[in-house]
Amino acid sequence: MTVESGGLDRDDVRALLAEHLLEMHATSPACSVHALDLTGLQDPAVTFWTVREAGALLGCGALKQLSPTHGEVKSMRTSPAARGRGVAALVLATVLDEARRRGYDQVSLETGSQDHFAPARRLYARHGFVGCGPFEGYGEDPNSTFMTLDLRT
């Protein structure tokens, strides 16, 4: 598996992101969907990566700069055929390595609170993320789980 920066112009990436948004809207009320669309991912504050193997797209993820010391994990998605192969862990490690390289003090994220999102919450917890309150403009939402990782320790 190889991690590549960029790729938002590729058809398979756009299809995976469209699938991601459809699933988020199918599993959460619209007011609780905080996934970035293609335009949001093209923001200069966002760095986007894909994971491929033999040319096939396996997954993606992004890091959004919230401040000079705080980043947010965005758009974590593994293709259905690649689930259980460590794709998400590889993307998350890439995001965290970049956050450390930038000198961030913390990285936070929002994910769903429903059972559907339990595997994501377990992944983040395995990597040291702990629960926190809403951050950077998010509000309290029973459909959201907020987590953060202190990179200073």
N, C-alpha and C. Protein backbone atom coordinates (compact mmCIF):
# COMPACT_ATOMS: atom_id res chain seq x y z
N MET A 1 0.85 -1.18 0.00
CA MET A 1 0.00 0.00 0.00
C MET A 1 0.88 1.23 0.00
N THR A 2 0.50 2.20 -0.82
CA THR A 2 1.24 3.46 -0.87
C THR A 2 0.29 4.62 -0.60
N VAL A 3 0.82 5.62 0.09
CA VAL A 3 0.05 6.82 0.40
C VAL A 3 0.52 7.92 -0.53
N GLU A 4 -0.44 8.61 -1.16
CA GLU A 4 -0.13 9.69 -2.08
C GLU A 4 -0.89 10.94 -1.67
N SER A 5 -0.25 12.07 -1.77
CA SER A 5 -0.90 13.35 -1.50
C SER A 5 -1.71 13.76 -2.73
N GLY A 6 -2.86 14.37 -2.48
CA GLY A 6 -3.68 14.87 -3.58
C GLY A 6 -4.57 13.80 -4.16
N GLY A 7 -5.01 14.02 -5.40
CA GLY A 7 -5.83 13.06 -6.10
C GLY A 7 -7.29 13.44 -6.22
N LEU A 8 -7.65 14.63 -5.77
CA LEU A 8 -9.06 15.03 -5.81
C LEU A 8 -9.60 15.18 -7.23
N ASP A 9 -8.72 15.21 -8.21
CA ASP A 9 -9.15 15.32 -9.60
C ASP A 9 -9.41 13.96 -10.25
N ARG A 10 -9.13 12.89 -9.53
CA ARG A 10 -9.29 11.55 -10.10
C ARG A 10 -10.71 11.04 -9.92
N ASP A 11 -11.23 10.38 -10.95
CA ASP A 11 -12.61 9.90 -10.93
C ASP A 11 -12.88 8.91 -9.79
N ASP A 12 -11.94 7.99 -9.53
CA ASP A 12 -12.19 7.00 -8.48
C ASP A 12 -12.21 7.65 -7.10
N VAL A 13 -11.42 8.69 -6.90
CA VAL A 13 -11.43 9.42 -5.63
C VAL A 13 -12.76 10.15 -5.48
N ARG A 14 -13.19 10.80 -6.53
CA ARG A 14 -14.47 11.53 -6.47
C ARG A 14 -15.62 10.57 -6.21
N ALA A 15 -15.56 9.37 -6.78
CA ALA A 15 -16.61 8.37 -6.55
C ALA A 15 -16.59 7.90 -5.09
N LEU A 16 -15.40 7.67 -4.53
CA LEU A 16 -15.31 7.24 -3.14
C LEU A 16 -15.82 8.33 -2.20
N LEU A 17 -15.50 9.58 -2.49
CA LEU A 17 -15.98 10.69 -1.67
C LEU A 17 -17.50 10.86 -1.79
N ALA A 18 -18.05 10.66 -2.97
CA ALA A 18 -19.49 10.73 -3.16
C ALA A 18 -20.18 9.62 -2.37
N GLU A 19 -19.59 8.43 -2.39
CA GLU A 19 -20.11 7.30 -1.61
C GLU A 19 -20.07 7.64 -0.11
N HIS A 20 -18.99 8.27 0.31
CA HIS A 20 -18.83 8.68 1.71
C HIS A 20 -19.95 9.63 2.12
N LEU A 21 -20.19 10.65 1.33
CA LEU A 21 -21.24 11.62 1.64
C LEU A 21 -22.63 10.97 1.65
N LEU A 22 -22.89 10.09 0.70
CA LEU A 22 -24.17 9.39 0.67
C LEU A 22 -24.38 8.57 1.94
N GLU A 23 -23.34 7.87 2.37
CA GLU A 23 -23.46 7.05 3.58
C GLU A 23 -23.64 7.92 4.82
N MET A 24 -22.94 9.05 4.87
CA MET A 24 -23.10 9.94 6.03
C MET A 24 -24.53 10.45 6.11
N HIS A 25 -25.12 10.79 4.97
CA HIS A 25 -26.49 11.29 4.96
C HIS A 25 -27.50 10.16 5.22
N ALA A 26 -27.14 8.93 4.92
CA ALA A 26 -28.02 7.80 5.17
C ALA A 26 -27.99 7.37 6.64
N THR A 27 -26.93 7.71 7.36
CA THR A 27 -26.78 7.24 8.73
C THR A 27 -26.94 8.34 9.77
N SER A 28 -27.00 9.59 9.35
CA SER A 28 -27.10 10.71 10.29
C SER A 28 -28.07 11.74 9.75
N PRO A 29 -28.74 12.46 10.65
CA PRO A 29 -29.58 13.57 10.18
C PRO A 29 -28.72 14.60 9.44
N ALA A 30 -29.28 15.25 8.46
CA ALA A 30 -28.53 16.20 7.64
C ALA A 30 -27.81 17.26 8.48
N CYS A 31 -28.44 17.72 9.54
CA CYS A 31 -27.82 18.75 10.38
C CYS A 31 -26.62 18.22 11.17
N SER A 32 -26.44 16.90 11.17
CA SER A 32 -25.33 16.29 11.91
C SER A 32 -24.24 15.75 10.99
N VAL A 33 -24.36 15.99 9.70
CA VAL A 33 -23.34 15.54 8.74
C VAL A 33 -22.32 16.66 8.57
N HIS A 34 -21.09 16.38 8.97
CA HIS A 34 -20.02 17.38 8.90
C HIS A 34 -18.91 16.99 7.92
N ALA A 35 -19.19 15.99 7.09
CA ALA A 35 -18.21 15.57 6.09
C ALA A 35 -18.02 16.67 5.06
N LEU A 36 -16.78 16.86 4.64
CA LEU A 36 -16.49 17.87 3.63
C LEU A 36 -16.84 17.34 2.25
N ASP A 37 -17.42 18.19 1.43
CA ASP A 37 -17.63 17.84 0.03
C ASP A 37 -16.35 18.16 -0.74
N LEU A 38 -16.38 17.94 -2.03
CA LEU A 38 -15.19 18.15 -2.85
C LEU A 38 -14.67 19.58 -2.74
N THR A 39 -15.57 20.54 -2.74
CA THR A 39 -15.15 21.94 -2.61
C THR A 39 -14.47 22.17 -1.27
N GLY A 40 -15.02 21.63 -0.20
CA GLY A 40 -14.41 21.77 1.11
C GLY A 40 -13.03 21.14 1.19
N LEU A 41 -12.86 20.02 0.51
CA LEU A 41 -11.55 19.35 0.51
C LEU A 41 -10.51 20.09 -0.32
N GLN A 42 -10.96 20.97 -1.22
CA GLN A 42 -10.04 21.74 -2.03
C GLN A 42 -9.58 23.02 -1.34
N ASP A 43 -10.09 23.28 -0.16
CA ASP A 43 -9.68 24.45 0.63
C ASP A 43 -8.17 24.37 0.89
N PRO A 44 -7.45 25.47 0.79
CA PRO A 44 -6.00 25.45 1.04
C PRO A 44 -5.62 25.00 2.46
N ALA A 45 -6.56 25.07 3.40
CA ALA A 45 -6.28 24.63 4.76
C ALA A 45 -6.34 23.11 4.91
N VAL A 46 -6.73 22.41 3.83
CA VAL A 46 -6.91 20.95 3.87
C VAL A 46 -5.83 20.27 3.05
N THR A 47 -5.22 19.25 3.65
CA THR A 47 -4.29 18.37 2.94
C THR A 47 -4.97 17.01 2.83
N PHE A 48 -4.98 16.46 1.63
CA PHE A 48 -5.73 15.24 1.33
C PHE A 48 -4.79 14.15 0.84
N TRP A 49 -5.02 12.92 1.30
CA TRP A 49 -4.21 11.78 0.89
C TRP A 49 -5.10 10.63 0.43
N THR A 50 -4.56 9.80 -0.45
CA THR A 50 -5.20 8.55 -0.85
C THR A 50 -4.24 7.41 -0.57
N VAL A 51 -4.81 6.23 -0.45
CA VAL A 51 -4.02 4.99 -0.32
C VAL A 51 -4.38 4.12 -1.50
N ARG A 52 -3.34 3.62 -2.16
CA ARG A 52 -3.53 2.76 -3.33
C ARG A 52 -2.67 1.50 -3.20
N GLU A 53 -3.13 0.49 -3.90
CA GLU A 53 -2.36 -0.75 -4.02
C GLU A 53 -2.53 -1.24 -5.45
N ALA A 54 -1.42 -1.40 -6.14
CA ALA A 54 -1.45 -1.81 -7.55
C ALA A 54 -2.41 -0.92 -8.35
N GLY A 55 -2.42 0.37 -8.04
CA GLY A 55 -3.25 1.32 -8.76
C GLY A 55 -4.68 1.45 -8.26
N ALA A 56 -5.13 0.48 -7.47
CA ALA A 56 -6.51 0.51 -6.98
C ALA A 56 -6.63 1.41 -5.75
N LEU A 57 -7.64 2.25 -5.73
CA LEU A 57 -7.89 3.14 -4.61
C LEU A 57 -8.46 2.33 -3.44
N LEU A 58 -7.80 2.42 -2.29
CA LEU A 58 -8.26 1.70 -1.10
C LEU A 58 -8.92 2.61 -0.07
N GLY A 59 -8.51 3.88 -0.03
CA GLY A 59 -9.08 4.77 0.97
C GLY A 59 -8.49 6.16 0.87
N CYS A 60 -8.96 7.02 1.78
CA CYS A 60 -8.51 8.40 1.78
C CYS A 60 -8.69 9.02 3.16
N GLY A 61 -8.13 10.19 3.32
CA GLY A 61 -8.28 10.96 4.55
C GLY A 61 -7.65 12.32 4.37
N ALA A 62 -7.94 13.20 5.31
CA ALA A 62 -7.45 14.58 5.19
C ALA A 62 -7.14 15.16 6.56
N LEU A 63 -6.35 16.21 6.54
CA LEU A 63 -6.02 16.99 7.72
C LEU A 63 -6.36 18.44 7.41
N LYS A 64 -7.20 19.02 8.25
CA LYS A 64 -7.58 20.42 8.09
C LYS A 64 -6.90 21.24 9.18
N GLN A 65 -6.22 22.29 8.79
CA GLN A 65 -5.59 23.18 9.77
C GLN A 65 -6.67 24.09 10.34
N LEU A 66 -6.86 24.01 11.65
CA LEU A 66 -7.81 24.88 12.34
C LEU A 66 -7.13 26.12 12.89
N SER A 67 -5.87 25.96 13.29
CA SER A 67 -5.05 27.07 13.80
C SER A 67 -3.61 26.63 13.63
N PRO A 68 -2.65 27.48 13.95
CA PRO A 68 -1.25 27.06 13.83
C PRO A 68 -0.87 25.89 14.74
N THR A 69 -1.72 25.57 15.71
CA THR A 69 -1.39 24.48 16.64
C THR A 69 -2.44 23.39 16.72
N HIS A 70 -3.48 23.47 15.89
CA HIS A 70 -4.60 22.53 16.01
C HIS A 70 -5.06 22.09 14.63
N GLY A 71 -5.15 20.78 14.44
CA GLY A 71 -5.64 20.22 13.19
C GLY A 71 -6.85 19.34 13.43
N GLU A 72 -7.58 19.07 12.35
CA GLU A 72 -8.77 18.21 12.42
C GLU A 72 -8.67 17.10 11.38
N VAL A 73 -8.94 15.88 11.79
CA VAL A 73 -9.02 14.74 10.87
C VAL A 73 -10.34 14.85 10.12
N LYS A 74 -10.28 14.74 8.79
CA LYS A 74 -11.47 14.84 7.95
C LYS A 74 -11.46 13.72 6.90
N SER A 75 -12.64 13.38 6.43
CA SER A 75 -12.84 12.53 5.25
C SER A 75 -12.12 11.20 5.30
N MET A 76 -12.09 10.58 6.46
CA MET A 76 -11.53 9.23 6.56
C MET A 76 -12.52 8.26 5.92
N ARG A 77 -12.04 7.52 4.93
CA ARG A 77 -12.91 6.58 4.22
C ARG A 77 -12.08 5.45 3.66
N THR A 78 -12.55 4.22 3.86
CA THR A 78 -11.94 3.04 3.27
C THR A 78 -12.96 2.43 2.31
N SER A 79 -12.50 2.02 1.14
CA SER A 79 -13.41 1.38 0.20
C SER A 79 -13.93 0.08 0.83
N PRO A 80 -15.17 -0.28 0.54
CA PRO A 80 -15.73 -1.50 1.14
C PRO A 80 -14.86 -2.74 0.92
N ALA A 81 -14.26 -2.87 -0.25
CA ALA A 81 -13.45 -4.05 -0.55
C ALA A 81 -12.14 -4.10 0.25
N ALA A 82 -11.71 -2.96 0.78
CA ALA A 82 -10.42 -2.91 1.49
C ALA A 82 -10.57 -2.86 3.01
N ARG A 83 -11.78 -2.92 3.52
CA ARG A 83 -11.99 -2.83 4.97
C ARG A 83 -11.33 -4.00 5.69
N GLY A 84 -10.78 -3.69 6.84
CA GLY A 84 -10.12 -4.71 7.65
C GLY A 84 -8.68 -4.98 7.26
N ARG A 85 -8.14 -4.17 6.36
CA ARG A 85 -6.77 -4.38 5.89
C ARG A 85 -5.78 -3.35 6.43
N GLY A 86 -6.21 -2.48 7.33
CA GLY A 86 -5.31 -1.49 7.91
C GLY A 86 -5.21 -0.20 7.13
N VAL A 87 -6.10 0.01 6.18
CA VAL A 87 -6.06 1.23 5.36
C VAL A 87 -6.30 2.45 6.24
N ALA A 88 -7.33 2.41 7.05
CA ALA A 88 -7.65 3.57 7.90
C ALA A 88 -6.51 3.87 8.87
N ALA A 89 -5.90 2.84 9.42
CA ALA A 89 -4.78 3.06 10.34
C ALA A 89 -3.61 3.71 9.62
N LEU A 90 -3.37 3.31 8.37
CA LEU A 90 -2.30 3.91 7.59
C LEU A 90 -2.60 5.38 7.28
N VAL A 91 -3.83 5.68 6.90
CA VAL A 91 -4.20 7.07 6.64
C VAL A 91 -4.07 7.89 7.91
N LEU A 92 -4.58 7.37 9.02
CA LEU A 92 -4.52 8.11 10.27
C LEU A 92 -3.07 8.34 10.69
N ALA A 93 -2.21 7.36 10.53
CA ALA A 93 -0.79 7.55 10.85
C ALA A 93 -0.18 8.64 9.99
N THR A 94 -0.56 8.70 8.72
CA THR A 94 -0.07 9.74 7.82
C THR A 94 -0.53 11.12 8.29
N VAL A 95 -1.81 11.23 8.65
CA VAL A 95 -2.36 12.49 9.14
C VAL A 95 -1.62 12.93 10.41
N LEU A 96 -1.42 12.00 11.34
CA LEU A 96 -0.76 12.35 12.61
C LEU A 96 0.71 12.69 12.40
N ASP A 97 1.38 11.99 11.50
CA ASP A 97 2.78 12.33 11.20
C ASP A 97 2.87 13.75 10.65
N GLU A 98 1.96 14.12 9.77
CA GLU A 98 1.97 15.47 9.20
C GLU A 98 1.65 16.50 10.28
N ALA A 99 0.71 16.20 11.15
CA ALA A 99 0.38 17.13 12.24
C ALA A 99 1.59 17.36 13.14
N ARG A 100 2.30 16.30 13.45
CA ARG A 100 3.52 16.43 14.27
C ARG A 100 4.59 17.23 13.52
N ARG A 101 4.75 16.94 12.23
CA ARG A 101 5.74 17.67 11.44
C ARG A 101 5.43 19.16 11.43
N ARG A 102 4.15 19.52 11.41
CA ARG A 102 3.74 20.93 11.42
C ARG A 102 3.86 21.56 12.81
N GLY A 103 4.08 20.75 13.82
CA GLY A 103 4.20 21.27 15.18
C GLY A 103 2.88 21.50 15.87
N TYR A 104 1.82 20.83 15.43
CA TYR A 104 0.53 20.98 16.10
C TYR A 104 0.61 20.45 17.53
N ASP A 105 -0.13 21.07 18.42
CA ASP A 105 -0.26 20.60 19.80
C ASP A 105 -1.34 19.53 19.91
N GLN A 106 -2.34 19.60 19.05
CA GLN A 106 -3.43 18.64 19.12
C GLN A 106 -4.09 18.45 17.77
N VAL A 107 -4.73 17.29 17.65
CA VAL A 107 -5.54 16.95 16.48
C VAL A 107 -6.88 16.46 17.02
N SER A 108 -7.95 16.97 16.47
CA SER A 108 -9.30 16.62 16.92
C SER A 108 -10.11 16.08 15.76
N LEU A 109 -11.27 15.53 16.08
CA LEU A 109 -12.15 15.01 15.05
C LEU A 109 -13.57 14.94 15.56
N GLU A 110 -14.48 14.86 14.62
CA GLU A 110 -15.89 14.60 14.88
C GLU A 110 -16.27 13.37 14.10
N THR A 111 -16.96 12.45 14.76
CA THR A 111 -17.49 11.28 14.09
C THR A 111 -18.87 11.00 14.67
N GLY A 112 -19.57 10.08 14.08
CA GLY A 112 -20.91 9.80 14.54
C GLY A 112 -20.95 9.07 15.88
N SER A 113 -22.04 9.24 16.59
CA SER A 113 -22.23 8.55 17.87
C SER A 113 -23.02 7.25 17.71
N GLN A 114 -23.59 7.02 16.54
CA GLN A 114 -24.39 5.82 16.30
C GLN A 114 -23.49 4.58 16.22
N ASP A 115 -24.11 3.41 16.35
CA ASP A 115 -23.38 2.13 16.29
C ASP A 115 -22.60 2.00 14.98
N HIS A 116 -23.14 2.54 13.92
CA HIS A 116 -22.49 2.47 12.61
C HIS A 116 -21.04 2.98 12.67
N PHE A 117 -20.79 3.95 13.55
CA PHE A 117 -19.48 4.58 13.64
C PHE A 117 -18.58 3.97 14.73
N ALA A 118 -19.03 2.91 15.38
CA ALA A 118 -18.24 2.29 16.44
C ALA A 118 -16.85 1.86 15.96
N PRO A 119 -16.70 1.26 14.78
CA PRO A 119 -15.35 0.90 14.34
C PRO A 119 -14.43 2.12 14.21
N ALA A 120 -14.96 3.23 13.75
CA ALA A 120 -14.14 4.45 13.65
C ALA A 120 -13.73 4.93 15.03
N ARG A 121 -14.67 4.94 15.97
CA ARG A 121 -14.33 5.38 17.32
C ARG A 121 -13.27 4.47 17.95
N ARG A 122 -13.37 3.17 17.71
CA ARG A 122 -12.35 2.23 18.23
C ARG A 122 -10.98 2.50 17.60
N LEU A 123 -10.95 2.77 16.31
CA LEU A 123 -9.69 3.09 15.63
C LEU A 123 -9.05 4.31 16.28
N TYR A 124 -9.82 5.37 16.46
CA TYR A 124 -9.27 6.60 17.03
C TYR A 124 -8.81 6.37 18.47
N ALA A 125 -9.57 5.63 19.24
CA ALA A 125 -9.17 5.35 20.63
C ALA A 125 -7.87 4.55 20.66
N ARG A 126 -7.71 3.58 19.75
CA ARG A 126 -6.46 2.80 19.70
C ARG A 126 -5.26 3.68 19.41
N HIS A 127 -5.48 4.80 18.76
CA HIS A 127 -4.39 5.71 18.44
C HIS A 127 -4.26 6.85 19.45
N GLY A 128 -4.96 6.73 20.58
CA GLY A 128 -4.78 7.67 21.67
C GLY A 128 -5.79 8.80 21.76
N PHE A 129 -6.74 8.86 20.86
CA PHE A 129 -7.76 9.91 20.93
C PHE A 129 -8.68 9.64 22.12
N VAL A 130 -9.09 10.72 22.77
CA VAL A 130 -10.01 10.64 23.90
C VAL A 130 -11.18 11.59 23.63
N GLY A 131 -12.27 11.33 24.31
CA GLY A 131 -13.44 12.18 24.15
C GLY A 131 -13.17 13.61 24.58
N CYS A 132 -13.84 14.54 23.93
CA CYS A 132 -13.73 15.96 24.28
C CYS A 132 -15.04 16.63 23.91
N GLY A 133 -15.15 17.88 24.22
CA GLY A 133 -16.33 18.64 23.84
C GLY A 133 -16.21 19.15 22.42
N PRO A 134 -17.27 19.77 21.93
CA PRO A 134 -17.24 20.35 20.59
C PRO A 134 -16.10 21.37 20.47
N PHE A 135 -15.57 21.49 19.29
CA PHE A 135 -14.46 22.41 19.03
C PHE A 135 -14.72 23.14 17.72
N GLU A 136 -14.01 24.20 17.50
CA GLU A 136 -13.98 24.94 16.22
C GLU A 136 -15.34 25.10 15.55
N GLY A 137 -16.29 25.62 16.27
CA GLY A 137 -17.58 25.93 15.67
C GLY A 137 -18.62 24.82 15.72
N TYR A 138 -18.24 23.62 16.12
CA TYR A 138 -19.23 22.56 16.29
C TYR A 138 -20.06 22.88 17.53
N GLY A 139 -21.29 22.38 17.56
CA GLY A 139 -22.13 22.52 18.73
C GLY A 139 -22.43 21.15 19.32
N GLU A 140 -22.98 21.15 20.51
CA GLU A 140 -23.41 19.90 21.11
C GLU A 140 -24.39 19.22 20.16
N ASP A 141 -24.23 17.92 19.99
CA ASP A 141 -25.07 17.17 19.06
C ASP A 141 -25.11 15.72 19.52
N PRO A 142 -26.27 15.17 19.82
CA PRO A 142 -26.32 13.78 20.27
C PRO A 142 -25.88 12.79 19.20
N ASN A 143 -25.80 13.23 17.95
CA ASN A 143 -25.36 12.36 16.86
C ASN A 143 -23.87 12.45 16.59
N SER A 144 -23.16 13.26 17.36
CA SER A 144 -21.72 13.46 17.17
C SER A 144 -20.94 13.01 18.39
N THR A 145 -19.78 12.46 18.12
CA THR A 145 -18.77 12.17 19.13
C THR A 145 -17.55 13.01 18.77
N PHE A 146 -17.03 13.75 19.72
CA PHE A 146 -15.85 14.58 19.51
C PHE A 146 -14.69 13.94 20.25
N MET A 147 -13.55 13.89 19.58
CA MET A 147 -12.35 13.28 20.16
C MET A 147 -11.15 14.14 19.85
N THR A 148 -10.13 14.04 20.69
CA THR A 148 -8.91 14.81 20.46
C THR A 148 -7.70 13.99 20.91
N LEU A 149 -6.56 14.35 20.36
CA LEU A 149 -5.29 13.73 20.70
C LEU A 149 -4.30 14.84 21.01
N ASP A 150 -3.73 14.81 22.20
CA ASP A 150 -2.70 15.77 22.61
C ASP A 150 -1.37 15.28 22.06
N LEU A 151 -0.78 16.04 21.16
CA LEU A 151 0.49 15.63 20.54
C LEU A 151 1.69 16.09 21.34
N ARG A 152 1.49 16.79 22.43
CA ARG A 152 2.60 17.29 23.24
C ARG A 152 3.12 16.24 24.20
N THR A 153 2.41 15.15 24.34
CA THR A 153 2.83 14.12 25.30
C THR A 153 3.53 12.97 24.61
